[in-house]
């Protein structure tokens, strides 16, 4: 049996660029699933303050993140000296539906979802 991916949910609390309905529905579906996940208030704020938890997150193994544009999320970790592993799956709550995101987050598969050039 493979090790389940670590799920990280970003509330994107400060920029207010993620549609409220999508982020609320993703959080509700995660809670309803009884899956283990970590939530953070805002990855951008954590990066701005060089929060050491970002390094711990980047080194936790298989990782799936529900946040914003993949290029932005990767950049936040990179700027703090904690680059994400290449197989990290980043789901974009700005452009994907809550259903698409939670299906990918809760999937048993560790195959990364393709990211279109508009999302990257």
PDB file of N, CA and C in Angstrom:
ATOM      1  N   UNK A   1       0.844  -1.181   0.000  1.00  0.00           N
ATOM      2  CA  UNK A   1       0.000   0.000   0.000  1.00  0.00           C
ATOM      3  C   UNK A   1       0.885   1.238   0.000  1.00  0.00           C
ATOM      4  N   UNK A   2       0.576   2.191  -0.864  1.00  0.00           N
ATOM      5  CA  UNK A   2       1.397   3.396  -0.959  1.00  0.00           C
ATOM      6  C   UNK A   2       1.025   4.397   0.131  1.00  0.00           C
ATOM      7  N   UNK A   3       1.982   5.255   0.427  1.00  0.00           N
ATOM      8  CA  UNK A   3       1.765   6.301   1.416  1.00  0.00           C
ATOM      9  C   UNK A   3       0.846   7.361   0.818  1.00  0.00           C
ATOM     10  N   UNK A   4      -0.196   7.764   1.530  1.00  0.00           N
ATOM     11  CA  UNK A   4      -1.085   8.789   0.976  1.00  0.00           C
ATOM     12  C   UNK A   4      -0.371  10.136   0.870  1.00  0.00           C
ATOM     13  N   UNK A   5      -0.812  10.916  -0.076  1.00  0.00           N
ATOM     14  CA  UNK A   5      -0.236  12.248  -0.256  1.00  0.00           C
ATOM     15  C   UNK A   5      -0.659  13.146   0.899  1.00  0.00           C
ATOM     16  N   UNK A   6       0.217  14.065   1.254  1.00  0.00           N
ATOM     17  CA  UNK A   6      -0.133  15.107   2.211  1.00  0.00           C
ATOM     18  C   UNK A   6      -0.964  16.137   1.461  1.00  0.00           C
ATOM     19  N   UNK A   7      -2.085  16.513   2.031  1.00  0.00           N
ATOM     20  CA  UNK A   7      -2.966  17.507   1.413  1.00  0.00           C
ATOM     21  C   UNK A   7      -2.813  18.818   2.164  1.00  0.00           C
ATOM     22  N   UNK A   8      -2.544  19.879   1.417  1.00  0.00           N
ATOM     23  CA  UNK A   8      -2.431  21.223   1.984  1.00  0.00           C
ATOM     24  C   UNK A   8      -3.487  22.100   1.335  1.00  0.00           C
ATOM     25  N   UNK A   9      -4.296  22.730   2.156  1.00  0.00           N
ATOM     26  CA  UNK A   9      -5.355  23.623   1.680  1.00  0.00           C
ATOM     27  C   UNK A   9      -5.008  25.041   2.117  1.00  0.00           C
ATOM     28  N   UNK A  10      -4.891  25.956   1.161  1.00  0.00           N
ATOM     29  CA  UNK A  10      -4.613  27.363   1.456  1.00  0.00           C
ATOM     30  C   UNK A  10      -5.915  28.146   1.414  1.00  0.00           C
ATOM     31  N   UNK A  11      -6.203  28.846   2.469  1.00  0.00           N
ATOM     32  CA  UNK A  11      -7.434  29.643   2.566  1.00  0.00           C
ATOM     33  C   UNK A  11      -7.358  30.928   1.734  1.00  0.00           C
ATOM     34  N   UNK A  12      -6.150  31.308   1.316  1.00  0.00           N
ATOM     35  CA  UNK A  12      -5.964  32.534   0.516  1.00  0.00           C
ATOM     36  C   UNK A  12      -6.726  33.700   1.146  1.00  0.00           C
ATOM     37  N   UNK A  13      -6.467  33.915   2.420  1.00  0.00           N
ATOM     38  CA  UNK A  13      -7.260  34.843   3.226  1.00  0.00           C
ATOM     39  C   UNK A  13      -7.011  36.319   2.936  1.00  0.00           C
ATOM     40  N   UNK A  14      -5.845  36.673   2.443  1.00  0.00           N
ATOM     41  CA  UNK A  14      -5.527  38.091   2.349  1.00  0.00           C
ATOM     42  C   UNK A  14      -5.696  38.680   0.961  1.00  0.00           C
ATOM     43  N   UNK A  15      -5.298  37.976  -0.064  1.00  0.00           N
ATOM     44  CA  UNK A  15      -5.390  38.531  -1.420  1.00  0.00           C
ATOM     45  C   UNK A  15      -6.823  38.568  -1.927  1.00  0.00           C
ATOM     46  N   UNK A  16      -7.669  37.666  -1.440  1.00  0.00           N
ATOM     47  CA  UNK A  16      -9.071  37.610  -1.847  1.00  0.00           C
ATOM     48  C   UNK A  16      -9.230  37.457  -3.365  1.00  0.00           C
ATOM     49  N   UNK A  17      -8.354  36.650  -3.977  1.00  0.00           N
ATOM     50  CA  UNK A  17      -8.417  36.431  -5.425  1.00  0.00           C
ATOM     51  C   UNK A  17      -9.054  35.097  -5.798  1.00  0.00           C
ATOM     52  N   UNK A  18      -9.200  34.212  -4.830  1.00  0.00           N
ATOM     53  CA  UNK A  18      -9.843  32.923  -5.077  1.00  0.00           C
ATOM     54  C   UNK A  18     -11.327  33.084  -4.793  1.00  0.00           C
ATOM     55  N   UNK A  19     -12.185  32.633  -5.707  1.00  0.00           N
ATOM     56  CA  UNK A  19     -13.628  32.754  -5.474  1.00  0.00           C
ATOM     57  C   UNK A  19     -14.038  32.112  -4.143  1.00  0.00           C
ATOM     58  N   UNK A  20     -14.744  32.867  -3.336  1.00  0.00           N
ATOM     59  CA  UNK A  20     -15.148  32.407  -2.006  1.00  0.00           C
ATOM     60  C   UNK A  20     -15.930  31.105  -2.068  1.00  0.00           C
ATOM     61  N   UNK A  21     -16.828  30.993  -3.024  1.00  0.00           N
ATOM     62  CA  UNK A  21     -17.630  29.783  -3.134  1.00  0.00           C
ATOM     63  C   UNK A  21     -16.779  28.547  -3.371  1.00  0.00           C
ATOM     64  N   UNK A  22     -15.765  28.674  -4.213  1.00  0.00           N
ATOM     65  CA  UNK A  22     -14.901  27.535  -4.522  1.00  0.00           C
ATOM     66  C   UNK A  22     -14.090  27.140  -3.303  1.00  0.00           C
ATOM     67  N   UNK A  23     -13.446  28.108  -2.661  1.00  0.00           N
ATOM     68  CA  UNK A  23     -12.600  27.733  -1.519  1.00  0.00           C
ATOM     69  C   UNK A  23     -13.436  27.195  -0.352  1.00  0.00           C
ATOM     70  N   UNK A  24     -14.631  27.731  -0.156  1.00  0.00           N
ATOM     71  CA  UNK A  24     -15.501  27.212   0.909  1.00  0.00           C
ATOM     72  C   UNK A  24     -15.966  25.785   0.604  1.00  0.00           C
ATOM     73  N   UNK A  25     -16.314  25.543  -0.656  1.00  0.00           N
ATOM     74  CA  UNK A  25     -16.783  24.210  -1.025  1.00  0.00           C
ATOM     75  C   UNK A  25     -15.657  23.185  -0.949  1.00  0.00           C
ATOM     76  N   UNK A  26     -14.451  23.561  -1.370  1.00  0.00           N
ATOM     77  CA  UNK A  26     -13.316  22.639  -1.272  1.00  0.00           C
ATOM     78  C   UNK A  26     -13.075  22.290   0.194  1.00  0.00           C
ATOM     79  N   UNK A  27     -13.067  23.289   1.057  1.00  0.00           N
ATOM     80  CA  UNK A  27     -12.844  23.033   2.479  1.00  0.00           C
ATOM     81  C   UNK A  27     -13.940  22.144   3.050  1.00  0.00           C
ATOM     82  N   UNK A  28     -15.186  22.408   2.704  1.00  0.00           N
ATOM     83  CA  UNK A  28     -16.298  21.594   3.208  1.00  0.00           C
ATOM     84  C   UNK A  28     -16.180  20.149   2.744  1.00  0.00           C
ATOM     85  N   UNK A  29     -15.838  19.960   1.474  1.00  0.00           N
ATOM     86  CA  UNK A  29     -15.701  18.599   0.943  1.00  0.00           C
ATOM     87  C   UNK A  29     -14.541  17.860   1.612  1.00  0.00           C
ATOM     88  N   UNK A  30     -13.449  18.578   1.887  1.00  0.00           N
ATOM     89  CA  UNK A  30     -12.338  17.949   2.596  1.00  0.00           C
ATOM     90  C   UNK A  30     -12.770  17.522   3.996  1.00  0.00           C
ATOM     91  N   UNK A  31     -13.479  18.396   4.687  1.00  0.00           N
ATOM     92  CA  UNK A  31     -13.968  18.069   6.034  1.00  0.00           C
ATOM     93  C   UNK A  31     -14.929  16.885   5.995  1.00  0.00           C
ATOM     94  N   UNK A  32     -15.835  16.885   5.026  1.00  0.00           N
ATOM     95  CA  UNK A  32     -16.813  15.802   4.899  1.00  0.00           C
ATOM     96  C   UNK A  32     -16.154  14.469   4.570  1.00  0.00           C
ATOM     97  N   UNK A  33     -15.013  14.507   3.903  1.00  0.00           N
ATOM     98  CA  UNK A  33     -14.335  13.280   3.478  1.00  0.00           C
ATOM     99  C   UNK A  33     -13.629  12.570   4.626  1.00  0.00           C
ATOM    100  N   UNK A  34     -13.408  13.268   5.694  1.00  0.00           N
ATOM    101  CA  UNK A  34     -12.658  12.753   6.835  1.00  0.00           C
ATOM    102  C   UNK A  34     -11.206  12.449   6.488  1.00  0.00           C
ATOM    103  N   UNK A  35     -10.718  12.973   5.357  1.00  0.00           N
ATOM    104  CA  UNK A  35      -9.309  12.825   4.989  1.00  0.00           C
ATOM    105  C   UNK A  35      -8.468  13.706   5.899  1.00  0.00           C
ATOM    106  N   UNK A  36      -7.244  13.321   6.096  1.00  0.00           N
ATOM    107  CA  UNK A  36      -6.316  14.123   6.874  1.00  0.00           C
ATOM    108  C   UNK A  36      -5.756  15.205   5.956  1.00  0.00           C
ATOM    109  N   UNK A  37      -5.820  16.450   6.400  1.00  0.00           N
ATOM    110  CA  UNK A  37      -5.267  17.544   5.608  1.00  0.00           C
ATOM    111  C   UNK A  37      -4.833  18.666   6.533  1.00  0.00           C
ATOM    112  N   UNK A  38      -3.948  19.499   6.006  1.00  0.00           N
ATOM    113  CA  UNK A  38      -3.497  20.672   6.754  1.00  0.00           C
ATOM    114  C   UNK A  38      -4.030  21.903   6.044  1.00  0.00           C
ATOM    115  N   UNK A  39      -4.449  22.869   6.819  1.00  0.00           N
ATOM    116  CA  UNK A  39      -4.907  24.120   6.231  1.00  0.00           C
ATOM    117  C   UNK A  39      -4.043  25.268   6.748  1.00  0.00           C
ATOM    118  N   UNK A  40      -3.781  26.208   5.854  1.00  0.00           N
ATOM    119  CA  UNK A  40      -3.049  27.413   6.237  1.00  0.00           C
ATOM    120  C   UNK A  40      -3.883  28.616   5.831  1.00  0.00           C
ATOM    121  N   UNK A  41      -3.719  29.681   6.553  1.00  0.00           N
ATOM    122  CA  UNK A  41      -4.479  30.888   6.273  1.00  0.00           C
ATOM    123  C   UNK A  41      -4.104  31.478   4.910  1.00  0.00           C
ATOM    124  N   UNK A  42      -2.789  31.596   4.652  1.00  0.00           N
ATOM    125  CA  UNK A  42      -2.358  32.223   3.410  1.00  0.00           C
ATOM    126  C   UNK A  42      -0.895  31.894   3.129  1.00  0.00           C
ATOM    127  N   UNK A  43      -0.639  31.150   2.053  1.00  0.00           N
ATOM    128  CA  UNK A  43       0.736  30.809   1.688  1.00  0.00           C
ATOM    129  C   UNK A  43       1.553  32.049   1.343  1.00  0.00           C
ATOM    130  N   UNK A  44       0.927  33.039   0.729  1.00  0.00           N
ATOM    131  CA  UNK A  44       1.651  34.265   0.373  1.00  0.00           C
ATOM    132  C   UNK A  44       2.183  34.962   1.629  1.00  0.00           C
ATOM    133  N   UNK A  45       1.339  35.047   2.653  1.00  0.00           N
ATOM    134  CA  UNK A  45       1.766  35.667   3.900  1.00  0.00           C
ATOM    135  C   UNK A  45       2.879  34.844   4.554  1.00  0.00           C
ATOM    136  N   UNK A  46       2.745  33.531   4.528  1.00  0.00           N
ATOM    137  CA  UNK A  46       3.777  32.677   5.107  1.00  0.00           C
ATOM    138  C   UNK A  46       5.115  32.903   4.411  1.00  0.00           C
ATOM    139  N   UNK A  47       5.091  33.004   3.088  1.00  0.00           N
ATOM    140  CA  UNK A  47       6.325  33.242   2.336  1.00  0.00           C
ATOM    141  C   UNK A  47       6.900  34.623   2.650  1.00  0.00           C
ATOM    142  N   UNK A  48       6.034  35.619   2.755  1.00  0.00           N
ATOM    143  CA  UNK A  48       6.497  36.973   3.062  1.00  0.00           C
ATOM    144  C   UNK A  48       7.203  37.031   4.412  1.00  0.00           C
ATOM    145  N   UNK A  49       6.743  36.219   5.344  1.00  0.00           N
ATOM    146  CA  UNK A  49       7.343  36.179   6.686  1.00  0.00           C
ATOM    147  C   UNK A  49       8.376  35.068   6.835  1.00  0.00           C
ATOM    148  N   UNK A  50       8.679  34.406   5.720  1.00  0.00           N
ATOM    149  CA  UNK A  50       9.648  33.300   5.717  1.00  0.00           C
ATOM    150  C   UNK A  50       9.355  32.279   6.809  1.00  0.00           C
ATOM    151  N   UNK A  51       8.104  31.898   6.873  1.00  0.00           N
ATOM    152  CA  UNK A  51       7.640  30.946   7.880  1.00  0.00           C
ATOM    153  C   UNK A  51       8.365  29.610   7.699  1.00  0.00           C
ATOM    154  N   UNK A  52       9.003  29.100   8.752  1.00  0.00           N
ATOM    155  CA  UNK A  52       9.746  27.837   8.640  1.00  0.00           C
ATOM    156  C   UNK A  52       8.863  26.628   8.340  1.00  0.00           C
ATOM    157  N   UNK A  53       7.562  26.753   8.524  1.00  0.00           N
ATOM    158  CA  UNK A  53       6.661  25.643   8.192  1.00  0.00           C
ATOM    159  C   UNK A  53       6.677  25.329   6.695  1.00  0.00           C
ATOM    160  N   UNK A  54       7.027  26.320   5.860  1.00  0.00           N
ATOM    161  CA  UNK A  54       7.074  26.066   4.424  1.00  0.00           C
ATOM    162  C   UNK A  54       8.125  25.010   4.091  1.00  0.00           C
ATOM    163  N   UNK A  55       9.261  25.053   4.782  1.00  0.00           N
ATOM    164  CA  UNK A  55      10.297  24.047   4.550  1.00  0.00           C
ATOM    165  C   UNK A  55       9.793  22.671   4.958  1.00  0.00           C
ATOM    166  N   UNK A  56       9.120  22.598   6.091  1.00  0.00           N
ATOM    167  CA  UNK A  56       8.566  21.320   6.544  1.00  0.00           C
ATOM    168  C   UNK A  56       7.551  20.784   5.544  1.00  0.00           C
ATOM    169  N   UNK A  57       6.732  21.657   5.010  1.00  0.00           N
ATOM    170  CA  UNK A  57       5.726  21.255   4.022  1.00  0.00           C
ATOM    171  C   UNK A  57       6.418  20.735   2.762  1.00  0.00           C
ATOM    172  N   UNK A  58       7.439  21.457   2.293  1.00  0.00           N
ATOM    173  CA  UNK A  58       8.130  21.096   1.050  1.00  0.00           C
ATOM    174  C   UNK A  58       8.861  19.764   1.150  1.00  0.00           C
ATOM    175  N   UNK A  59       9.170  19.337   2.358  1.00  0.00           N
ATOM    176  CA  UNK A  59       9.941  18.107   2.531  1.00  0.00           C
ATOM    177  C   UNK A  59       9.113  16.943   3.067  1.00  0.00           C
ATOM    178  N   UNK A  60       7.804  17.047   3.021  1.00  0.00           N
ATOM    179  CA  UNK A  60       6.958  16.026   3.644  1.00  0.00           C
ATOM    180  C   UNK A  60       6.709  14.804   2.765  1.00  0.00           C
ATOM    181  N   UNK A  61       7.182  14.788   1.560  1.00  0.00           N
ATOM    182  CA  UNK A  61       6.937  13.645   0.674  1.00  0.00           C
ATOM    183  C   UNK A  61       5.913  14.004  -0.379  1.00  0.00           C
ATOM    184  N   UNK A  62       5.062  13.034  -0.726  1.00  0.00           N
ATOM    185  CA  UNK A  62       4.021  13.303  -1.724  1.00  0.00           C
ATOM    186  C   UNK A  62       3.137  14.439  -1.216  1.00  0.00           C
ATOM    187  N   UNK A  63       2.888  15.406  -2.086  1.00  0.00           N
ATOM    188  CA  UNK A  63       2.183  16.606  -1.660  1.00  0.00           C
ATOM    189  C   UNK A  63       1.188  17.044  -2.716  1.00  0.00           C
ATOM    190  N   UNK A  64      -0.011  17.376  -2.251  1.00  0.00           N
ATOM    191  CA  UNK A  64      -1.052  17.966  -3.103  1.00  0.00           C
ATOM    192  C   UNK A  64      -1.497  19.260  -2.437  1.00  0.00           C
ATOM    193  N   UNK A  65      -1.525  20.322  -3.218  1.00  0.00           N
ATOM    194  CA  UNK A  65      -1.845  21.641  -2.674  1.00  0.00           C
ATOM    195  C   UNK A  65      -3.032  22.235  -3.419  1.00  0.00           C
ATOM    196  N   UNK A  66      -4.016  22.717  -2.667  1.00  0.00           N
ATOM    197  CA  UNK A  66      -5.127  23.476  -3.234  1.00  0.00           C
ATOM    198  C   UNK A  66      -4.868  24.928  -2.886  1.00  0.00           C
ATOM    199  N   UNK A  67      -4.623  25.735  -3.901  1.00  0.00           N
ATOM    200  CA  UNK A  67      -4.293  27.139  -3.651  1.00  0.00           C
ATOM    201  C   UNK A  67      -4.624  27.969  -4.885  1.00  0.00           C
ATOM    202  N   UNK A  68      -3.588  28.436  -5.540  1.00  0.00           N
ATOM    203  CA  UNK A  68      -3.710  29.400  -6.624  1.00  0.00           C
ATOM    204  C   UNK A  68      -2.985  28.845  -7.854  1.00  0.00           C
ATOM    205  N   UNK A  69      -2.492  29.738  -8.697  1.00  0.00           N
ATOM    206  CA  UNK A  69      -1.761  29.323  -9.889  1.00  0.00           C
ATOM    207  C   UNK A  69      -0.515  28.532  -9.499  1.00  0.00           C
ATOM    208  N   UNK A  70      -0.280  27.398 -10.147  1.00  0.00           N
ATOM    209  CA  UNK A  70       0.892  26.586  -9.813  1.00  0.00           C
ATOM    210  C   UNK A  70       2.207  27.359  -9.852  1.00  0.00           C
ATOM    211  N   UNK A  71       2.382  28.217 -10.842  1.00  0.00           N
ATOM    212  CA  UNK A  71       3.645  28.973 -10.927  1.00  0.00           C
ATOM    213  C   UNK A  71       3.817  29.883  -9.718  1.00  0.00           C
ATOM    214  N   UNK A  72       2.732  30.448  -9.206  1.00  0.00           N
ATOM    215  CA  UNK A  72       2.804  31.319  -8.033  1.00  0.00           C
ATOM    216  C   UNK A  72       3.147  30.518  -6.781  1.00  0.00           C
ATOM    217  N   UNK A  73       2.509  29.378  -6.608  1.00  0.00           N
ATOM    218  CA  UNK A  73       2.767  28.538  -5.440  1.00  0.00           C
ATOM    219  C   UNK A  73       4.211  28.052  -5.454  1.00  0.00           C
ATOM    220  N   UNK A  74       4.671  27.574  -6.603  1.00  0.00           N
ATOM    221  CA  UNK A  74       6.064  27.124  -6.717  1.00  0.00           C
ATOM    222  C   UNK A  74       7.013  28.272  -6.396  1.00  0.00           C
ATOM    223  N   UNK A  75       6.699  29.466  -6.885  1.00  0.00           N
ATOM    224  CA  UNK A  75       7.542  30.633  -6.637  1.00  0.00           C
ATOM    225  C   UNK A  75       7.613  31.001  -5.167  1.00  0.00           C
ATOM    226  N   UNK A  76       6.513  30.880  -4.453  1.00  0.00           N
ATOM    227  CA  UNK A  76       6.504  31.188  -3.015  1.00  0.00           C
ATOM    228  C   UNK A  76       7.460  30.281  -2.253  1.00  0.00           C
ATOM    229  N   UNK A  77       7.413  28.994  -2.562  1.00  0.00           N
ATOM    230  CA  UNK A  77       8.306  28.059  -1.891  1.00  0.00           C
ATOM    231  C   UNK A  77       9.753  28.293  -2.318  1.00  0.00           C
ATOM    232  N   UNK A  78       9.951  28.571  -3.597  1.00  0.00           N
ATOM    233  CA  UNK A  78      11.300  28.822  -4.115  1.00  0.00           C
ATOM    234  C   UNK A  78      11.933  30.040  -3.444  1.00  0.00           C
ATOM    235  N   UNK A  79      11.174  31.112  -3.290  1.00  0.00           N
ATOM    236  CA  UNK A  79      11.727  32.344  -2.716  1.00  0.00           C
ATOM    237  C   UNK A  79      12.119  32.191  -1.254  1.00  0.00           C
ATOM    238  N   UNK A  80      11.574  31.187  -0.591  1.00  0.00           N
ATOM    239  CA  UNK A  80      11.934  30.955   0.809  1.00  0.00           C
ATOM    240  C   UNK A  80      13.027  29.896   0.945  1.00  0.00           C
ATOM    241  N   UNK A  81      13.576  29.455  -0.191  1.00  0.00           N
ATOM    242  CA  UNK A  81      14.643  28.467  -0.160  1.00  0.00           C
ATOM    243  C   UNK A  81      14.151  27.057   0.083  1.00  0.00           C
ATOM    244  N   UNK A  82      12.876  26.805  -0.157  1.00  0.00           N
ATOM    245  CA  UNK A  82      12.283  25.482   0.062  1.00  0.00           C
ATOM    246  C   UNK A  82      11.520  25.048  -1.187  1.00  0.00           C
ATOM    247  N   UNK A  83      12.244  24.780  -2.281  1.00  0.00           N
ATOM    248  CA  UNK A  83      11.536  24.416  -3.513  1.00  0.00           C
ATOM    249  C   UNK A  83      10.724  23.142  -3.346  1.00  0.00           C
ATOM    250  N   UNK A  84       9.593  23.119  -4.022  1.00  0.00           N
ATOM    251  CA  UNK A  84       8.712  21.954  -3.975  1.00  0.00           C
ATOM    252  C   UNK A  84       9.279  20.835  -4.839  1.00  0.00           C
ATOM    253  N   UNK A  85       9.054  19.580  -4.444  1.00  0.00           N
ATOM    254  CA  UNK A  85       9.463  18.455  -5.290  1.00  0.00           C
ATOM    255  C   UNK A  85       8.734  18.528  -6.638  1.00  0.00           C
ATOM    256  N   UNK A  86       9.367  17.984  -7.659  1.00  0.00           N
ATOM    257  CA  UNK A  86       8.805  18.049  -9.017  1.00  0.00           C
ATOM    258  C   UNK A  86       7.447  17.369  -9.121  1.00  0.00           C
ATOM    259  N   UNK A  87       7.190  16.372  -8.276  1.00  0.00           N
ATOM    260  CA  UNK A  87       5.926  15.643  -8.388  1.00  0.00           C
ATOM    261  C   UNK A  87       4.793  16.242  -7.547  1.00  0.00           C
ATOM    262  N   UNK A  88       5.007  17.426  -6.992  1.00  0.00           N
ATOM    263  CA  UNK A  88       3.941  18.090  -6.226  1.00  0.00           C
ATOM    264  C   UNK A  88       2.790  18.444  -7.158  1.00  0.00           C
ATOM    265  N   UNK A  89       1.593  18.135  -6.737  1.00  0.00           N
ATOM    266  CA  UNK A  89       0.398  18.443  -7.515  1.00  0.00           C
ATOM    267  C   UNK A  89      -0.236  19.704  -6.937  1.00  0.00           C
ATOM    268  N   UNK A  90      -0.369  20.729  -7.765  1.00  0.00           N
ATOM    269  CA  UNK A  90      -0.938  22.000  -7.319  1.00  0.00           C
ATOM    270  C   UNK A  90      -2.242  22.218  -8.074  1.00  0.00           C
ATOM    271  N   UNK A  91      -3.310  22.377  -7.324  1.00  0.00           N
ATOM    272  CA  UNK A  91      -4.636  22.576  -7.898  1.00  0.00           C
ATOM    273  C   UNK A  91      -5.027  24.037  -7.737  1.00  0.00           C
ATOM    274  N   UNK A  92      -5.556  24.599  -8.793  1.00  0.00           N
ATOM    275  CA  UNK A  92      -5.799  26.029  -8.871  1.00  0.00           C
ATOM    276  C   UNK A  92      -7.258  26.372  -8.571  1.00  0.00           C
ATOM    277  N   UNK A  93      -7.503  26.894  -7.384  1.00  0.00           N
ATOM    278  CA  UNK A  93      -8.873  27.244  -7.000  1.00  0.00           C
ATOM    279  C   UNK A  93      -9.381  28.487  -7.733  1.00  0.00           C
ATOM    280  N   UNK A  94      -8.510  29.166  -8.461  1.00  0.00           N
ATOM    281  CA  UNK A  94      -8.957  30.316  -9.250  1.00  0.00           C
ATOM    282  C   UNK A  94      -9.585  29.882 -10.563  1.00  0.00           C
ATOM    283  N   UNK A  95      -9.171  28.727 -11.088  1.00  0.00           N
ATOM    284  CA  UNK A  95      -9.641  28.328 -12.416  1.00  0.00           C
ATOM    285  C   UNK A  95     -10.352  26.982 -12.460  1.00  0.00           C
ATOM    286  N   UNK A  96     -10.198  26.153 -11.424  1.00  0.00           N
ATOM    287  CA  UNK A  96     -10.820  24.841 -11.413  1.00  0.00           C
ATOM    288  C   UNK A  96     -12.067  24.854 -10.526  1.00  0.00           C
ATOM    289  N   UNK A  97     -12.935  23.887 -10.762  1.00  0.00           N
ATOM    290  CA  UNK A  97     -14.130  23.779  -9.930  1.00  0.00           C
ATOM    291  C   UNK A  97     -13.783  23.066  -8.624  1.00  0.00           C
ATOM    292  N   UNK A  98     -14.630  23.237  -7.635  1.00  0.00           N
ATOM    293  CA  UNK A  98     -14.437  22.553  -6.355  1.00  0.00           C
ATOM    294  C   UNK A  98     -14.458  21.043  -6.556  1.00  0.00           C
ATOM    295  N   UNK A  99     -15.309  20.570  -7.436  1.00  0.00           N
ATOM    296  CA  UNK A  99     -15.395  19.130  -7.728  1.00  0.00           C
ATOM    297  C   UNK A  99     -14.074  18.616  -8.306  1.00  0.00           C
ATOM    298  N   UNK A 100     -13.531  19.320  -9.295  1.00  0.00           N
ATOM    299  CA  UNK A 100     -12.257  18.906  -9.901  1.00  0.00           C
ATOM    300  C   UNK A 100     -11.143  18.865  -8.859  1.00  0.00           C
ATOM    301  N   UNK A 101     -11.110  19.878  -8.028  1.00  0.00           N
ATOM    302  CA  UNK A 101     -10.050  19.991  -7.032  1.00  0.00           C
ATOM    303  C   UNK A 101     -10.147  18.879  -5.998  1.00  0.00           C
ATOM    304  N   UNK A 102     -11.327  18.680  -5.437  1.00  0.00           N
ATOM    305  CA  UNK A 102     -11.449  17.671  -4.385  1.00  0.00           C
ATOM    306  C   UNK A 102     -11.284  16.257  -4.943  1.00  0.00           C
ATOM    307  N   UNK A 103     -11.719  16.023  -6.162  1.00  0.00           N
ATOM    308  CA  UNK A 103     -11.504  14.715  -6.777  1.00  0.00           C
ATOM    309  C   UNK A 103     -10.013  14.425  -6.870  1.00  0.00           C
ATOM    310  N   UNK A 104      -9.234  15.410  -7.313  1.00  0.00           N
ATOM    311  CA  UNK A 104      -7.789  15.228  -7.430  1.00  0.00           C
ATOM    312  C   UNK A 104      -7.123  15.125  -6.058  1.00  0.00           C
ATOM    313  N   UNK A 105      -7.538  15.950  -5.117  1.00  0.00           N
ATOM    314  CA  UNK A 105      -6.935  15.918  -3.782  1.00  0.00           C
ATOM    315  C   UNK A 105      -7.147  14.580  -3.093  1.00  0.00           C
ATOM    316  N   UNK A 106      -8.325  14.024  -3.253  1.00  0.00           N
ATOM    317  CA  UNK A 106      -8.697  12.815  -2.534  1.00  0.00           C
ATOM    318  C   UNK A 106      -8.427  11.538  -3.316  1.00  0.00           C
ATOM    319  N   UNK A 107      -7.896  11.662  -4.509  1.00  0.00           N
ATOM    320  CA  UNK A 107      -7.600  10.512  -5.348  1.00  0.00           C
ATOM    321  C   UNK A 107      -6.517   9.639  -4.723  1.00  0.00           C
ATOM    322  N   UNK A 108      -6.646   8.338  -4.889  1.00  0.00           N
ATOM    323  CA  UNK A 108      -5.626   7.397  -4.408  1.00  0.00           C
ATOM    324  C   UNK A 108      -4.386   7.461  -5.288  1.00  0.00           C
ATOM    325  N   UNK A 109      -4.560   7.912  -6.512  1.00  0.00           N
ATOM    326  CA  UNK A 109      -3.457   7.979  -7.465  1.00  0.00           C
ATOM    327  C   UNK A 109      -2.515   9.117  -7.108  1.00  0.00           C
ATOM    328  N   UNK A 110      -1.256   8.902  -7.378  1.00  0.00           N
ATOM    329  CA  UNK A 110      -0.283   9.968  -7.144  1.00  0.00           C
ATOM    330  C   UNK A 110       0.189  10.564  -8.458  1.00  0.00           C
ATOM    331  N   UNK A 111      -0.566  10.307  -9.537  1.00  0.00           N
ATOM    332  CA  UNK A 111      -0.219  10.841 -10.839  1.00  0.00           C
ATOM    333  C   UNK A 111      -0.633  12.302 -10.900  1.00  0.00           C
ATOM    334  N   UNK A 112       0.320  13.222 -11.122  1.00  0.00           N
ATOM    335  CA  UNK A 112      -0.028  14.640 -11.176  1.00  0.00           C
ATOM    336  C   UNK A 112      -1.016  14.936 -12.293  1.00  0.00           C
ATOM    337  N   UNK A 113      -1.933  15.863 -12.014  1.00  0.00           N
ATOM    338  CA  UNK A 113      -2.891  16.304 -13.012  1.00  0.00           C
ATOM    339  C   UNK A 113      -2.183  17.244 -13.979  1.00  0.00           C
ATOM    340  N   UNK A 114      -2.486  17.172 -15.271  1.00  0.00           N
ATOM    341  CA  UNK A 114      -1.854  18.083 -16.230  1.00  0.00           C
ATOM    342  C   UNK A 114      -2.277  19.519 -15.942  1.00  0.00           C
ATOM    343  N   UNK A 115      -1.340  20.423 -16.116  1.00  0.00           N
ATOM    344  CA  UNK A 115      -1.599  21.845 -15.910  1.00  0.00           C
ATOM    345  C   UNK A 115      -1.504  22.519 -17.254  1.00  0.00           C
ATOM    346  N   UNK A 116      -2.564  23.194 -17.662  1.00  0.00           N
ATOM    347  CA  UNK A 116      -2.533  23.878 -18.946  1.00  0.00           C
ATOM    348  C   UNK A 116      -1.641  25.098 -18.859  1.00  0.00           C
ATOM    349  N   UNK A 117      -1.210  25.597 -20.004  1.00  0.00           N
ATOM    350  CA  UNK A 117      -0.316  26.750 -20.007  1.00  0.00           C
ATOM    351  C   UNK A 117      -0.982  27.973 -19.385  1.00  0.00           C
ATOM    352  N   UNK A 118      -2.301  28.045 -19.411  1.00  0.00           N
ATOM    353  CA  UNK A 118      -3.011  29.167 -18.783  1.00  0.00           C
ATOM    354  C   UNK A 118      -2.934  29.096 -17.272  1.00  0.00           C
ATOM    355  N   UNK A 119      -2.737  27.891 -16.725  1.00  0.00           N
ATOM    356  CA  UNK A 119      -2.673  27.717 -15.277  1.00  0.00           C
ATOM    357  C   UNK A 119      -1.268  27.822 -14.722  1.00  0.00           C
ATOM    358  N   UNK A 120      -0.269  27.681 -15.551  1.00  0.00           N
ATOM    359  CA  UNK A 120       1.095  27.611 -15.041  1.00  0.00           C
ATOM    360  C   UNK A 120       1.804  28.891 -14.983  1.00  0.00           C
TER     361      UNK A 120
END
